[in-house]
Amino acid sequence: YYADSVKGRFTISRDNAKNTVNLQMNSLK
C-alpha cells in the first residue's frame, strides 16, 4: 500500500532473510 501523496515516488520493500524493511524515496519534495 502507498499513500496517494507518495505513489510513484516511494518504494517499500522487505528482505525477510535479513529482517529488514526499506523505503526508497525518490523525487523528494
mmCIF file of all heavy atoms, coordinates in Angstrom:
data_MODEL
# 
_entry.id   MODEL 
# 
loop_
_atom_site.group_PDB 
_atom_site.id 
_atom_site.type_symbol 
_atom_site.label_atom_id 
_atom_site.label_alt_id 
_atom_site.label_comp_id 
_atom_site.label_asym_id 
_atom_site.label_entity_id 
_atom_site.label_seq_id 
_atom_site.pdbx_PDB_ins_code 
_atom_site.Cartn_x 
_atom_site.Cartn_y 
_atom_site.Cartn_z 
_atom_site.occupancy 
_atom_site.B_iso_or_equiv 
_atom_site.pdbx_formal_charge 
_atom_site.auth_seq_id 
_atom_site.auth_comp_id 
_atom_site.auth_asym_id 
_atom_site.auth_atom_id 
_atom_site.pdbx_PDB_model_num 
ATOM 1   N N   . TYR A 1 1  ? 0.856  -1.184  0.000  1.00 0.00 ? 1  TYR A N   1 
ATOM 2   C CA  . TYR A 1 1  ? 0.000  0.000   0.000  1.00 0.00 ? 1  TYR A CA  1 
ATOM 3   C C   . TYR A 1 1  ? 0.896  1.239   0.000  1.00 0.00 ? 1  TYR A C   1 
ATOM 4   O O   . TYR A 1 1  ? 1.933  1.264   0.653  1.00 0.00 ? 1  TYR A O   1 
ATOM 5   C CB  . TYR A 1 1  ? -0.875 -0.004  1.252  1.00 0.00 ? 1  TYR A CB  1 
ATOM 6   C CG  . TYR A 1 1  ? -1.368 1.380   1.628  1.00 0.00 ? 1  TYR A CG  1 
ATOM 7   C CD1 . TYR A 1 1  ? -2.522 1.900   1.047  1.00 0.00 ? 1  TYR A CD1 1 
ATOM 8   C CD2 . TYR A 1 1  ? -0.663 2.164   2.536  1.00 0.00 ? 1  TYR A CD2 1 
ATOM 9   C CE1 . TYR A 1 1  ? -2.951 3.173   1.365  1.00 0.00 ? 1  TYR A CE1 1 
ATOM 10  C CE2 . TYR A 1 1  ? -1.093 3.439   2.859  1.00 0.00 ? 1  TYR A CE2 1 
ATOM 11  C CZ  . TYR A 1 1  ? -2.235 3.933   2.277  1.00 0.00 ? 1  TYR A CZ  1 
ATOM 12  O OH  . TYR A 1 1  ? -2.665 5.198   2.594  1.00 0.00 ? 1  TYR A OH  1 
ATOM 13  N N   . TYR A 1 2  ? 0.431  2.256   -0.746 1.00 0.00 ? 2  TYR A N   1 
ATOM 14  C CA  . TYR A 1 2  ? 1.092  3.557   -0.712 1.00 0.00 ? 2  TYR A CA  1 
ATOM 15  C C   . TYR A 1 2  ? 0.057  4.652   -0.500 1.00 0.00 ? 2  TYR A C   1 
ATOM 16  O O   . TYR A 1 2  ? -1.045 4.600   -1.062 1.00 0.00 ? 2  TYR A O   1 
ATOM 17  C CB  . TYR A 1 2  ? 1.835  3.848   -2.025 1.00 0.00 ? 2  TYR A CB  1 
ATOM 18  C CG  . TYR A 1 2  ? 3.010  2.960   -2.298 1.00 0.00 ? 2  TYR A CG  1 
ATOM 19  C CD1 . TYR A 1 2  ? 2.944  1.959   -3.252 1.00 0.00 ? 2  TYR A CD1 1 
ATOM 20  C CD2 . TYR A 1 2  ? 4.210  3.130   -1.607 1.00 0.00 ? 2  TYR A CD2 1 
ATOM 21  C CE1 . TYR A 1 2  ? 4.026  1.131   -3.511 1.00 0.00 ? 2  TYR A CE1 1 
ATOM 22  C CE2 . TYR A 1 2  ? 5.301  2.312   -1.860 1.00 0.00 ? 2  TYR A CE2 1 
ATOM 23  C CZ  . TYR A 1 2  ? 5.190  1.314   -2.807 1.00 0.00 ? 2  TYR A CZ  1 
ATOM 24  O OH  . TYR A 1 2  ? 6.273  0.502   -3.056 1.00 0.00 ? 2  TYR A OH  1 
ATOM 25  N N   . ALA A 1 3  ? 0.414  5.646   0.255  1.00 0.00 ? 3  ALA A N   1 
ATOM 26  C CA  . ALA A 1 3  ? -0.409 6.840   0.331  1.00 0.00 ? 3  ALA A CA  1 
ATOM 27  C C   . ALA A 1 3  ? -0.367 7.543   -1.017 1.00 0.00 ? 3  ALA A C   1 
ATOM 28  O O   . ALA A 1 3  ? 0.647  7.483   -1.733 1.00 0.00 ? 3  ALA A O   1 
ATOM 29  C CB  . ALA A 1 3  ? 0.110  7.764   1.429  1.00 0.00 ? 3  ALA A CB  1 
ATOM 30  N N   . ASP A 1 4  ? -1.459 8.192   -1.367 1.00 0.00 ? 4  ASP A N   1 
ATOM 31  C CA  . ASP A 1 4  ? -1.523 8.880   -2.664 1.00 0.00 ? 4  ASP A CA  1 
ATOM 32  C C   . ASP A 1 4  ? -0.396 9.901   -2.816 1.00 0.00 ? 4  ASP A C   1 
ATOM 33  O O   . ASP A 1 4  ? 0.108  10.117  -3.915 1.00 0.00 ? 4  ASP A O   1 
ATOM 34  C CB  . ASP A 1 4  ? -2.875 9.571   -2.816 1.00 0.00 ? 4  ASP A CB  1 
ATOM 35  C CG  . ASP A 1 4  ? -4.009 8.592   -3.041 1.00 0.00 ? 4  ASP A CG  1 
ATOM 36  O OD1 . ASP A 1 4  ? -3.729 7.427   -3.420 1.00 0.00 ? 4  ASP A OD1 1 
ATOM 37  O OD2 . ASP A 1 4  ? -5.170 8.977   -2.849 1.00 0.00 ? 4  ASP A OD2 1 
ATOM 38  N N   . SER A 1 5  ? -0.010 10.505  -1.724 1.00 0.00 ? 5  SER A N   1 
ATOM 39  C CA  . SER A 1 5  ? 0.986  11.576  -1.770 1.00 0.00 ? 5  SER A CA  1 
ATOM 40  C C   . SER A 1 5  ? 2.376  11.081  -2.165 1.00 0.00 ? 5  SER A C   1 
ATOM 41  O O   . SER A 1 5  ? 3.234  11.891  -2.529 1.00 0.00 ? 5  SER A O   1 
ATOM 42  C CB  . SER A 1 5  ? 1.055  12.281  -0.421 1.00 0.00 ? 5  SER A CB  1 
ATOM 43  O OG  . SER A 1 5  ? 1.373  11.363  0.609  1.00 0.00 ? 5  SER A OG  1 
ATOM 44  N N   . VAL A 1 6  ? 2.613  9.762   -2.079 1.00 0.00 ? 6  VAL A N   1 
ATOM 45  C CA  . VAL A 1 6  ? 3.957  9.250   -2.384 1.00 0.00 ? 6  VAL A CA  1 
ATOM 46  C C   . VAL A 1 6  ? 3.971  8.238   -3.524 1.00 0.00 ? 6  VAL A C   1 
ATOM 47  O O   . VAL A 1 6  ? 5.046  7.779   -3.927 1.00 0.00 ? 6  VAL A O   1 
ATOM 48  C CB  . VAL A 1 6  ? 4.602  8.614   -1.133 1.00 0.00 ? 6  VAL A CB  1 
ATOM 49  C CG1 . VAL A 1 6  ? 4.593  9.589   0.038  1.00 0.00 ? 6  VAL A CG1 1 
ATOM 50  C CG2 . VAL A 1 6  ? 3.927  7.309   -0.751 1.00 0.00 ? 6  VAL A CG2 1 
ATOM 51  N N   . LYS A 1 7  ? 2.795  7.914   -4.061 1.00 0.00 ? 7  LYS A N   1 
ATOM 52  C CA  . LYS A 1 7  ? 2.742  6.932   -5.154 1.00 0.00 ? 7  LYS A CA  1 
ATOM 53  C C   . LYS A 1 7  ? 3.598  7.384   -6.327 1.00 0.00 ? 7  LYS A C   1 
ATOM 54  O O   . LYS A 1 7  ? 3.563  8.538   -6.722 1.00 0.00 ? 7  LYS A O   1 
ATOM 55  C CB  . LYS A 1 7  ? 1.294  6.745   -5.611 1.00 0.00 ? 7  LYS A CB  1 
ATOM 56  C CG  . LYS A 1 7  ? 0.486  5.808   -4.749 1.00 0.00 ? 7  LYS A CG  1 
ATOM 57  C CD  . LYS A 1 7  ? -0.933 5.661   -5.286 1.00 0.00 ? 7  LYS A CD  1 
ATOM 58  C CE  . LYS A 1 7  ? -1.752 4.754   -4.392 1.00 0.00 ? 7  LYS A CE  1 
ATOM 59  N NZ  . LYS A 1 7  ? -3.164 4.666   -4.839 1.00 0.00 ? 7  LYS A NZ  1 
ATOM 60  N N   . GLY A 1 8  ? 4.356  6.453   -6.860 1.00 0.00 ? 8  GLY A N   1 
ATOM 61  C CA  . GLY A 1 8  ? 5.217  6.759   -7.991 1.00 0.00 ? 8  GLY A CA  1 
ATOM 62  C C   . GLY A 1 8  ? 6.564  7.340   -7.602 1.00 0.00 ? 8  GLY A C   1 
ATOM 63  O O   . GLY A 1 8  ? 7.455  7.466   -8.454 1.00 0.00 ? 8  GLY A O   1 
ATOM 64  N N   . ARG A 1 9  ? 6.723  7.705   -6.321 1.00 0.00 ? 9  ARG A N   1 
ATOM 65  C CA  . ARG A 1 9  ? 7.996  8.281   -5.872 1.00 0.00 ? 9  ARG A CA  1 
ATOM 66  C C   . ARG A 1 9  ? 8.678  7.403   -4.814 1.00 0.00 ? 9  ARG A C   1 
ATOM 67  O O   . ARG A 1 9  ? 9.908  7.339   -4.773 1.00 0.00 ? 9  ARG A O   1 
ATOM 68  C CB  . ARG A 1 9  ? 7.760  9.677   -5.281 1.00 0.00 ? 9  ARG A CB  1 
ATOM 69  C CG  . ARG A 1 9  ? 7.144  10.667  -6.242 1.00 0.00 ? 9  ARG A CG  1 
ATOM 70  C CD  . ARG A 1 9  ? 7.127  12.073  -5.655 1.00 0.00 ? 9  ARG A CD  1 
ATOM 71  N NE  . ARG A 1 9  ? 6.315  12.163  -4.444 1.00 0.00 ? 9  ARG A NE  1 
ATOM 72  C CZ  . ARG A 1 9  ? 6.786  12.573  -3.264 1.00 0.00 ? 9  ARG A CZ  1 
ATOM 73  N NH1 . ARG A 1 9  ? 8.051  12.930  -3.140 1.00 0.00 ? 9  ARG A NH1 1 
ATOM 74  N NH2 . ARG A 1 9  ? 5.981  12.647  -2.212 1.00 0.00 ? 9  ARG A NH2 1 
ATOM 75  N N   . PHE A 1 10 ? 7.901  6.757   -3.983 1.00 0.00 ? 10 PHE A N   1 
ATOM 76  C CA  . PHE A 1 10 ? 8.450  5.925   -2.900 1.00 0.00 ? 10 PHE A CA  1 
ATOM 77  C C   . PHE A 1 10 ? 8.225  4.453   -3.220 1.00 0.00 ? 10 PHE A C   1 
ATOM 78  O O   . PHE A 1 10 ? 7.216  4.078   -3.826 1.00 0.00 ? 10 PHE A O   1 
ATOM 79  C CB  . PHE A 1 10 ? 7.760  6.242   -1.575 1.00 0.00 ? 10 PHE A CB  1 
ATOM 80  C CG  . PHE A 1 10 ? 8.087  7.591   -0.983 1.00 0.00 ? 10 PHE A CG  1 
ATOM 81  C CD1 . PHE A 1 10 ? 8.764  8.565   -1.695 1.00 0.00 ? 10 PHE A CD1 1 
ATOM 82  C CD2 . PHE A 1 10 ? 7.709  7.879   0.330  1.00 0.00 ? 10 PHE A CD2 1 
ATOM 83  C CE1 . PHE A 1 10 ? 9.052  9.803   -1.141 1.00 0.00 ? 10 PHE A CE1 1 
ATOM 84  C CE2 . PHE A 1 10 ? 7.995  9.104   0.905  1.00 0.00 ? 10 PHE A CE2 1 
ATOM 85  C CZ  . PHE A 1 10 ? 8.661  10.072  0.159  1.00 0.00 ? 10 PHE A CZ  1 
ATOM 86  N N   . THR A 1 11 ? 9.154  3.624   -2.761 1.00 0.00 ? 11 THR A N   1 
ATOM 87  C CA  . THR A 1 11 ? 9.036  2.179   -2.926 1.00 0.00 ? 11 THR A CA  1 
ATOM 88  C C   . THR A 1 11 ? 9.388  1.487   -1.613 1.00 0.00 ? 11 THR A C   1 
ATOM 89  O O   . THR A 1 11 ? 10.475 1.698   -1.072 1.00 0.00 ? 11 THR A O   1 
ATOM 90  C CB  . THR A 1 11 ? 9.977  1.663   -4.027 1.00 0.00 ? 11 THR A CB  1 
ATOM 91  O OG1 . THR A 1 11 ? 9.671  2.312   -5.259 1.00 0.00 ? 11 THR A OG1 1 
ATOM 92  C CG2 . THR A 1 11 ? 9.809  0.153   -4.211 1.00 0.00 ? 11 THR A CG2 1 
ATOM 93  N N   . ILE A 1 12 ? 8.444  0.691   -1.123 1.00 0.00 ? 12 ILE A N   1 
ATOM 94  C CA  . ILE A 1 12 ? 8.694  -0.096  0.083  1.00 0.00 ? 12 ILE A CA  1 
ATOM 95  C C   . ILE A 1 12 ? 9.090  -1.510  -0.326 1.00 0.00 ? 12 ILE A C   1 
ATOM 96  O O   . ILE A 1 12 ? 8.554  -2.062  -1.295 1.00 0.00 ? 12 ILE A O   1 
ATOM 97  C CB  . ILE A 1 12 ? 7.464  -0.111  1.016  1.00 0.00 ? 12 ILE A CB  1 
ATOM 98  C CG1 . ILE A 1 12 ? 7.810  -0.757  2.369  1.00 0.00 ? 12 ILE A CG1 1 
ATOM 99  C CG2 . ILE A 1 12 ? 6.280  -0.799  0.360  1.00 0.00 ? 12 ILE A CG2 1 
ATOM 100 C CD1 . ILE A 1 12 ? 6.687  -0.606  3.412  1.00 0.00 ? 12 ILE A CD1 1 
ATOM 101 N N   . SER A 1 13 ? 10.025 -2.090  0.403  1.00 0.00 ? 13 SER A N   1 
ATOM 102 C CA  . SER A 1 13 ? 10.449 -3.466  0.122  1.00 0.00 ? 13 SER A CA  1 
ATOM 103 C C   . SER A 1 13 ? 10.907 -4.101  1.431  1.00 0.00 ? 13 SER A C   1 
ATOM 104 O O   . SER A 1 13 ? 11.149 -3.401  2.412  1.00 0.00 ? 13 SER A O   1 
ATOM 105 C CB  . SER A 1 13 ? 11.580 -3.486  -0.907 1.00 0.00 ? 13 SER A CB  1 
ATOM 106 O OG  . SER A 1 13 ? 12.724 -2.805  -0.410 1.00 0.00 ? 13 SER A OG  1 
ATOM 107 N N   . ARG A 1 14 ? 11.000 -5.410  1.414  1.00 0.00 ? 14 ARG A N   1 
ATOM 108 C CA  . ARG A 1 14 ? 11.453 -6.105  2.613  1.00 0.00 ? 14 ARG A CA  1 
ATOM 109 C C   . ARG A 1 14 ? 12.345 -7.276  2.221  1.00 0.00 ? 14 ARG A C   1 
ATOM 110 O O   . ARG A 1 14 ? 12.196 -7.854  1.145  1.00 0.00 ? 14 ARG A O   1 
ATOM 111 C CB  . ARG A 1 14 ? 10.290 -6.572  3.463  1.00 0.00 ? 14 ARG A CB  1 
ATOM 112 C CG  . ARG A 1 14 ? 9.414  -7.637  2.847  1.00 0.00 ? 14 ARG A CG  1 
ATOM 113 C CD  . ARG A 1 14 ? 8.176  -7.879  3.713  1.00 0.00 ? 14 ARG A CD  1 
ATOM 114 N NE  . ARG A 1 14 ? 8.511  -8.381  5.036  1.00 0.00 ? 14 ARG A NE  1 
ATOM 115 C CZ  . ARG A 1 14 ? 7.717  -8.258  6.096  1.00 0.00 ? 14 ARG A CZ  1 
ATOM 116 N NH1 . ARG A 1 14 ? 6.545  -7.647  5.990  1.00 0.00 ? 14 ARG A NH1 1 
ATOM 117 N NH2 . ARG A 1 14 ? 8.090  -8.753  7.272  1.00 0.00 ? 14 ARG A NH2 1 
ATOM 118 N N   . ASP A 1 15 ? 13.246 -7.608  3.121  1.00 0.00 ? 15 ASP A N   1 
ATOM 119 C CA  . ASP A 1 15 ? 14.115 -8.769  2.950  1.00 0.00 ? 15 ASP A CA  1 
ATOM 120 C C   . ASP A 1 15 ? 13.939 -9.616  4.214  1.00 0.00 ? 15 ASP A C   1 
ATOM 121 O O   . ASP A 1 15 ? 14.511 -9.308  5.253  1.00 0.00 ? 15 ASP A O   1 
ATOM 122 C CB  . ASP A 1 15 ? 15.563 -8.339  2.780  1.00 0.00 ? 15 ASP A CB  1 
ATOM 123 C CG  . ASP A 1 15 ? 16.501 -9.495  2.471  1.00 0.00 ? 15 ASP A CG  1 
ATOM 124 O OD1 . ASP A 1 15 ? 16.166 -10.639 2.843  1.00 0.00 ? 15 ASP A OD1 1 
ATOM 125 O OD2 . ASP A 1 15 ? 17.554 -9.260  1.890  1.00 0.00 ? 15 ASP A OD2 1 
ATOM 126 N N   . ASN A 1 16 ? 13.136 -10.652 4.120  1.00 0.00 ? 16 ASN A N   1 
ATOM 127 C CA  . ASN A 1 16 ? 12.826 -11.448 5.304  1.00 0.00 ? 16 ASN A CA  1 
ATOM 128 C C   . ASN A 1 16 ? 14.025 -12.247 5.805  1.00 0.00 ? 16 ASN A C   1 
ATOM 129 O O   . ASN A 1 16 ? 14.090 -12.607 6.973  1.00 0.00 ? 16 ASN A O   1 
ATOM 130 C CB  . ASN A 1 16 ? 11.648 -12.367 5.018  1.00 0.00 ? 16 ASN A CB  1 
ATOM 131 C CG  . ASN A 1 16 ? 10.331 -11.608 4.949  1.00 0.00 ? 16 ASN A CG  1 
ATOM 132 O OD1 . ASN A 1 16 ? 10.213 -10.498 5.468  1.00 0.00 ? 16 ASN A OD1 1 
ATOM 133 N ND2 . ASN A 1 16 ? 9.344  -12.200 4.284  1.00 0.00 ? 16 ASN A ND2 1 
ATOM 134 N N   . ALA A 1 17 ? 14.964 -12.524 4.926  1.00 0.00 ? 17 ALA A N   1 
ATOM 135 C CA  . ALA A 1 17 ? 16.169 -13.234 5.356  1.00 0.00 ? 17 ALA A CA  1 
ATOM 136 C C   . ALA A 1 17 ? 17.069 -12.348 6.216  1.00 0.00 ? 17 ALA A C   1 
ATOM 137 O O   . ALA A 1 17 ? 17.809 -12.838 7.068  1.00 0.00 ? 17 ALA A O   1 
ATOM 138 C CB  . ALA A 1 17 ? 16.942 -13.724 4.142  1.00 0.00 ? 17 ALA A CB  1 
ATOM 139 N N   . LYS A 1 18 ? 16.974 -11.041 5.987  1.00 0.00 ? 18 LYS A N   1 
ATOM 140 C CA  . LYS A 1 18 ? 17.808 -10.096 6.736  1.00 0.00 ? 18 LYS A CA  1 
ATOM 141 C C   . LYS A 1 18 ? 17.022 -9.324  7.793  1.00 0.00 ? 18 LYS A C   1 
ATOM 142 O O   . LYS A 1 18 ? 17.561 -8.458  8.463  1.00 0.00 ? 18 LYS A O   1 
ATOM 143 C CB  . LYS A 1 18 ? 18.481 -9.120  5.779  1.00 0.00 ? 18 LYS A CB  1 
ATOM 144 C CG  . LYS A 1 18 ? 19.447 -9.767  4.804  1.00 0.00 ? 18 LYS A CG  1 
ATOM 145 C CD  . LYS A 1 18 ? 20.099 -8.727  3.904  1.00 0.00 ? 18 LYS A CD  1 
ATOM 146 C CE  . LYS A 1 18 ? 21.102 -9.378  2.962  1.00 0.00 ? 18 LYS A CE  1 
ATOM 147 N NZ  . LYS A 1 18 ? 21.730 -8.366  2.054  1.00 0.00 ? 18 LYS A NZ  1 
ATOM 148 N N   . ASN A 1 19 ? 15.734 -9.632  7.911  1.00 0.00 ? 19 ASN A N   1 
ATOM 149 C CA  . ASN A 1 19 ? 14.881 -8.935  8.894  1.00 0.00 ? 19 ASN A CA  1 
ATOM 150 C C   . ASN A 1 19 ? 14.885 -7.422  8.703  1.00 0.00 ? 19 ASN A C   1 
ATOM 151 O O   . ASN A 1 19 ? 15.008 -6.650  9.669  1.00 0.00 ? 19 ASN A O   1 
ATOM 152 C CB  . ASN A 1 19 ? 15.313 -9.271  10.333 1.00 0.00 ? 19 ASN A CB  1 
ATOM 153 C CG  . ASN A 1 19 ? 14.887 -10.647 10.771 1.00 0.00 ? 19 ASN A CG  1 
ATOM 154 O OD1 . ASN A 1 19 ? 14.503 -11.477 9.946  1.00 0.00 ? 19 ASN A OD1 1 
ATOM 155 N ND2 . ASN A 1 19 ? 14.945 -10.920 12.055 1.00 0.00 ? 19 ASN A ND2 1 
ATOM 156 N N   . THR A 1 20 ? 14.777 -6.991  7.472  1.00 0.00 ? 20 THR A N   1 
ATOM 157 C CA  . THR A 1 20 ? 14.785 -5.560  7.208  1.00 0.00 ? 20 THR A CA  1 
ATOM 158 C C   . THR A 1 20 ? 13.638 -5.156  6.287  1.00 0.00 ? 20 THR A C   1 
ATOM 159 O O   . THR A 1 20 ? 13.163 -5.955  5.469  1.00 0.00 ? 20 THR A O   1 
ATOM 160 C CB  . THR A 1 20 ? 16.105 -5.117  6.556  1.00 0.00 ? 20 THR A CB  1 
ATOM 161 O OG1 . THR A 1 20 ? 16.295 -5.840  5.342  1.00 0.00 ? 20 THR A OG1 1 
ATOM 162 C CG2 . THR A 1 20 ? 17.292 -5.332  7.471  1.00 0.00 ? 20 THR A CG2 1 
ATOM 163 N N   . VAL A 1 21 ? 13.206 -3.926  6.448  1.00 0.00 ? 21 VAL A N   1 
ATOM 164 C CA  . VAL A 1 21 ? 12.246 -3.319  5.546  1.00 0.00 ? 21 VAL A CA  1 
ATOM 165 C C   . VAL A 1 21 ? 12.825 -1.960  5.142  1.00 0.00 ? 21 VAL A C   1 
ATOM 166 O O   . VAL A 1 21 ? 13.418 -1.266  5.965  1.00 0.00 ? 21 VAL A O   1 
ATOM 167 C CB  . VAL A 1 21 ? 10.850 -3.189  6.188  1.00 0.00 ? 21 VAL A CB  1 
ATOM 168 C CG1 . VAL A 1 21 ? 10.886 -2.327  7.434  1.00 0.00 ? 21 VAL A CG1 1 
ATOM 169 C CG2 . VAL A 1 21 ? 9.850  -2.636  5.189  1.00 0.00 ? 21 VAL A CG2 1 
ATOM 170 N N   . ASN A 1 22 ? 12.676 -1.632  3.875  1.00 0.00 ? 22 ASN A N   1 
ATOM 171 C CA  . ASN A 1 22 ? 13.294 -0.424  3.343  1.00 0.00 ? 22 ASN A CA  1 
ATOM 172 C C   . ASN A 1 22 ? 12.248 0.493   2.715  1.00 0.00 ? 22 ASN A C   1 
ATOM 173 O O   . ASN A 1 22 ? 11.170 0.046   2.304  1.00 0.00 ? 22 ASN A O   1 
ATOM 174 C CB  . ASN A 1 22 ? 14.338 -0.789  2.286  1.00 0.00 ? 22 ASN A CB  1 
ATOM 175 C CG  . ASN A 1 22 ? 15.402 -1.712  2.833  1.00 0.00 ? 22 ASN A CG  1 
ATOM 176 O OD1 . ASN A 1 22 ? 16.066 -1.404  3.809  1.00 0.00 ? 22 ASN A OD1 1 
ATOM 177 N ND2 . ASN A 1 22 ? 15.545 -2.879  2.223  1.00 0.00 ? 22 ASN A ND2 1 
ATOM 178 N N   . LEU A 1 23 ? 12.602 1.758   2.644  1.00 0.00 ? 23 LEU A N   1 
ATOM 179 C CA  . LEU A 1 23 ? 11.761 2.731   1.957  1.00 0.00 ? 23 LEU A CA  1 
ATOM 180 C C   . LEU A 1 23 ? 12.671 3.571   1.071  1.00 0.00 ? 23 LEU A C   1 
ATOM 181 O O   . LEU A 1 23 ? 13.450 4.385   1.575  1.00 0.00 ? 23 LEU A O   1 
ATOM 182 C CB  . LEU A 1 23 ? 11.011 3.621   2.953  1.00 0.00 ? 23 LEU A CB  1 
ATOM 183 C CG  . LEU A 1 23 ? 10.006 4.579   2.320  1.00 0.00 ? 23 LEU A CG  1 
ATOM 184 C CD1 . LEU A 1 23 ? 8.831  3.794   1.728  1.00 0.00 ? 23 LEU A CD1 1 
ATOM 185 C CD2 . LEU A 1 23 ? 9.488  5.589   3.343  1.00 0.00 ? 23 LEU A CD2 1 
ATOM 186 N N   . GLN A 1 24 ? 12.582 3.338   -0.221 1.00 0.00 ? 24 GLN A N   1 
ATOM 187 C CA  . GLN A 1 24 ? 13.335 4.126   -1.193 1.00 0.00 ? 24 GLN A CA  1 
ATOM 188 C C   . GLN A 1 24 ? 12.505 5.341   -1.560 1.00 0.00 ? 24 GLN A C   1 
ATOM 189 O O   . GLN A 1 24 ? 11.377 5.198   -2.036 1.00 0.00 ? 24 GLN A O   1 
ATOM 190 C CB  . GLN A 1 24 ? 13.644 3.300   -2.440 1.00 0.00 ? 24 GLN A CB  1 
ATOM 191 C CG  . GLN A 1 24 ? 14.371 4.057   -3.525 1.00 0.00 ? 24 GLN A CG  1 
ATOM 192 C CD  . GLN A 1 24 ? 15.781 4.458   -3.122 1.00 0.00 ? 24 GLN A CD  1 
ATOM 193 O OE1 . GLN A 1 24 ? 16.509 3.669   -2.519 1.00 0.00 ? 24 GLN A OE1 1 
ATOM 194 N NE2 . GLN A 1 24 ? 16.175 5.673   -3.451 1.00 0.00 ? 24 GLN A NE2 1 
ATOM 195 N N   . MET A 1 25 ? 13.063 6.514   -1.335 1.00 0.00 ? 25 MET A N   1 
ATOM 196 C CA  . MET A 1 25 ? 12.319 7.752   -1.571 1.00 0.00 ? 25 MET A CA  1 
ATOM 197 C C   . MET A 1 25 ? 13.016 8.548   -2.657 1.00 0.00 ? 25 MET A C   1 
ATOM 198 O O   . MET A 1 25 ? 14.169 8.970   -2.481 1.00 0.00 ? 25 MET A O   1 
ATOM 199 C CB  . MET A 1 25 ? 12.245 8.565   -0.276 1.00 0.00 ? 25 MET A CB  1 
ATOM 200 C CG  . MET A 1 25 ? 11.649 7.786   0.896  1.00 0.00 ? 25 MET A CG  1 
ATOM 201 S SD  . MET A 1 25 ? 11.425 8.798   2.375  1.00 0.00 ? 25 MET A SD  1 
ATOM 202 C CE  . MET A 1 25 ? 13.119 9.192   2.775  1.00 0.00 ? 25 MET A CE  1 
ATOM 203 N N   . ASN A 1 26 ? 12.330 8.722   -3.769 1.00 0.00 ? 26 ASN A N   1 
ATOM 204 C CA  . ASN A 1 26 ? 12.867 9.478   -4.900 1.00 0.00 ? 26 ASN A CA  1 
ATOM 205 C C   . ASN A 1 26 ? 12.042 10.734  -5.126 1.00 0.00 ? 26 ASN A C   1 
ATOM 206 O O   . ASN A 1 26 ? 10.919 10.858  -4.629 1.00 0.00 ? 26 ASN A O   1 
ATOM 207 C CB  . ASN A 1 26 ? 12.855 8.616   -6.155 1.00 0.00 ? 26 ASN A CB  1 
ATOM 208 C CG  . ASN A 1 26 ? 13.723 7.380   -6.038 1.00 0.00 ? 26 ASN A CG  1 
ATOM 209 O OD1 . ASN A 1 26 ? 14.748 7.385   -5.344 1.00 0.00 ? 26 ASN A OD1 1 
ATOM 210 N ND2 . ASN A 1 26 ? 13.320 6.315   -6.702 1.00 0.00 ? 26 ASN A ND2 1 
ATOM 211 N N   . SER A 1 27 ? 12.587 11.643  -5.893 1.00 0.00 ? 27 SER A N   1 
ATOM 212 C CA  . SER A 1 27 ? 11.896 12.895  -6.234 1.00 0.00 ? 27 SER A CA  1 
ATOM 213 C C   . SER A 1 27 ? 11.329 13.554  -4.984 1.00 0.00 ? 27 SER A C   1 
ATOM 214 O O   . SER A 1 27 ? 10.158 13.956  -4.947 1.00 0.00 ? 27 SER A O   1 
ATOM 215 C CB  . SER A 1 27 ? 10.777 12.612  -7.242 1.00 0.00 ? 27 SER A CB  1 
ATOM 216 O OG  . SER A 1 27 ? 11.293 12.020  -8.416 1.00 0.00 ? 27 SER A OG  1 
ATOM 217 N N   . LEU A 1 28 ? 12.148 13.671  -3.986 1.00 0.00 ? 28 LEU A N   1 
ATOM 218 C CA  . LEU A 1 28 ? 11.680 14.207  -2.705 1.00 0.00 ? 28 LEU A CA  1 
ATOM 219 C C   . LEU A 1 28 ? 11.275 15.664  -2.819 1.00 0.00 ? 28 LEU A C   1 
ATOM 220 O O   . LEU A 1 28 ? 11.856 16.440  -3.590 1.00 0.00 ? 28 LEU A O   1 
ATOM 221 C CB  . LEU A 1 28 ? 12.760 14.030  -1.646 1.00 0.00 ? 28 LEU A CB  1 
ATOM 222 C CG  . LEU A 1 28 ? 12.866 12.597  -1.088 1.00 0.00 ? 28 LEU A CG  1 
ATOM 223 C CD1 . LEU A 1 28 ? 14.193 12.378  -0.402 1.00 0.00 ? 28 LEU A CD1 1 
ATOM 224 C CD2 . LEU A 1 28 ? 11.716 12.318  -0.145 1.00 0.00 ? 28 LEU A CD2 1 
ATOM 225 N N   . LYS A 1 29 ? 10.262 16.015  -2.026 1.00 0.00 ? 29 LYS A N   1 
ATOM 226 C CA  . LYS A 1 29 ? 9.718  17.364  -2.014 1.00 0.00 ? 29 LYS A CA  1 
ATOM 227 C C   . LYS A 1 29 ? 9.822  17.920  -0.596 1.00 0.00 ? 29 LYS A C   1 
ATOM 228 O O   . LYS A 1 29 ? 9.842  17.156  0.379  1.00 0.00 ? 29 LYS A O   1 
ATOM 229 C CB  . LYS A 1 29 ? 8.248  17.335  -2.442 1.00 0.00 ? 29 LYS A CB  1 
ATOM 230 C CG  . LYS A 1 29 ? 8.007  16.684  -3.788 1.00 0.00 ? 29 LYS A CG  1 
ATOM 231 C CD  . LYS A 1 29 ? 6.511  16.583  -4.077 1.00 0.00 ? 29 LYS A CD  1 
ATOM 232 C CE  . LYS A 1 29 ? 6.259  15.910  -5.418 1.00 0.00 ? 29 LYS A CE  1 
ATOM 233 N NZ  . LYS A 1 29 ? 4.808  15.802  -5.718 1.00 0.00 ? 29 LYS A NZ  1 
# 
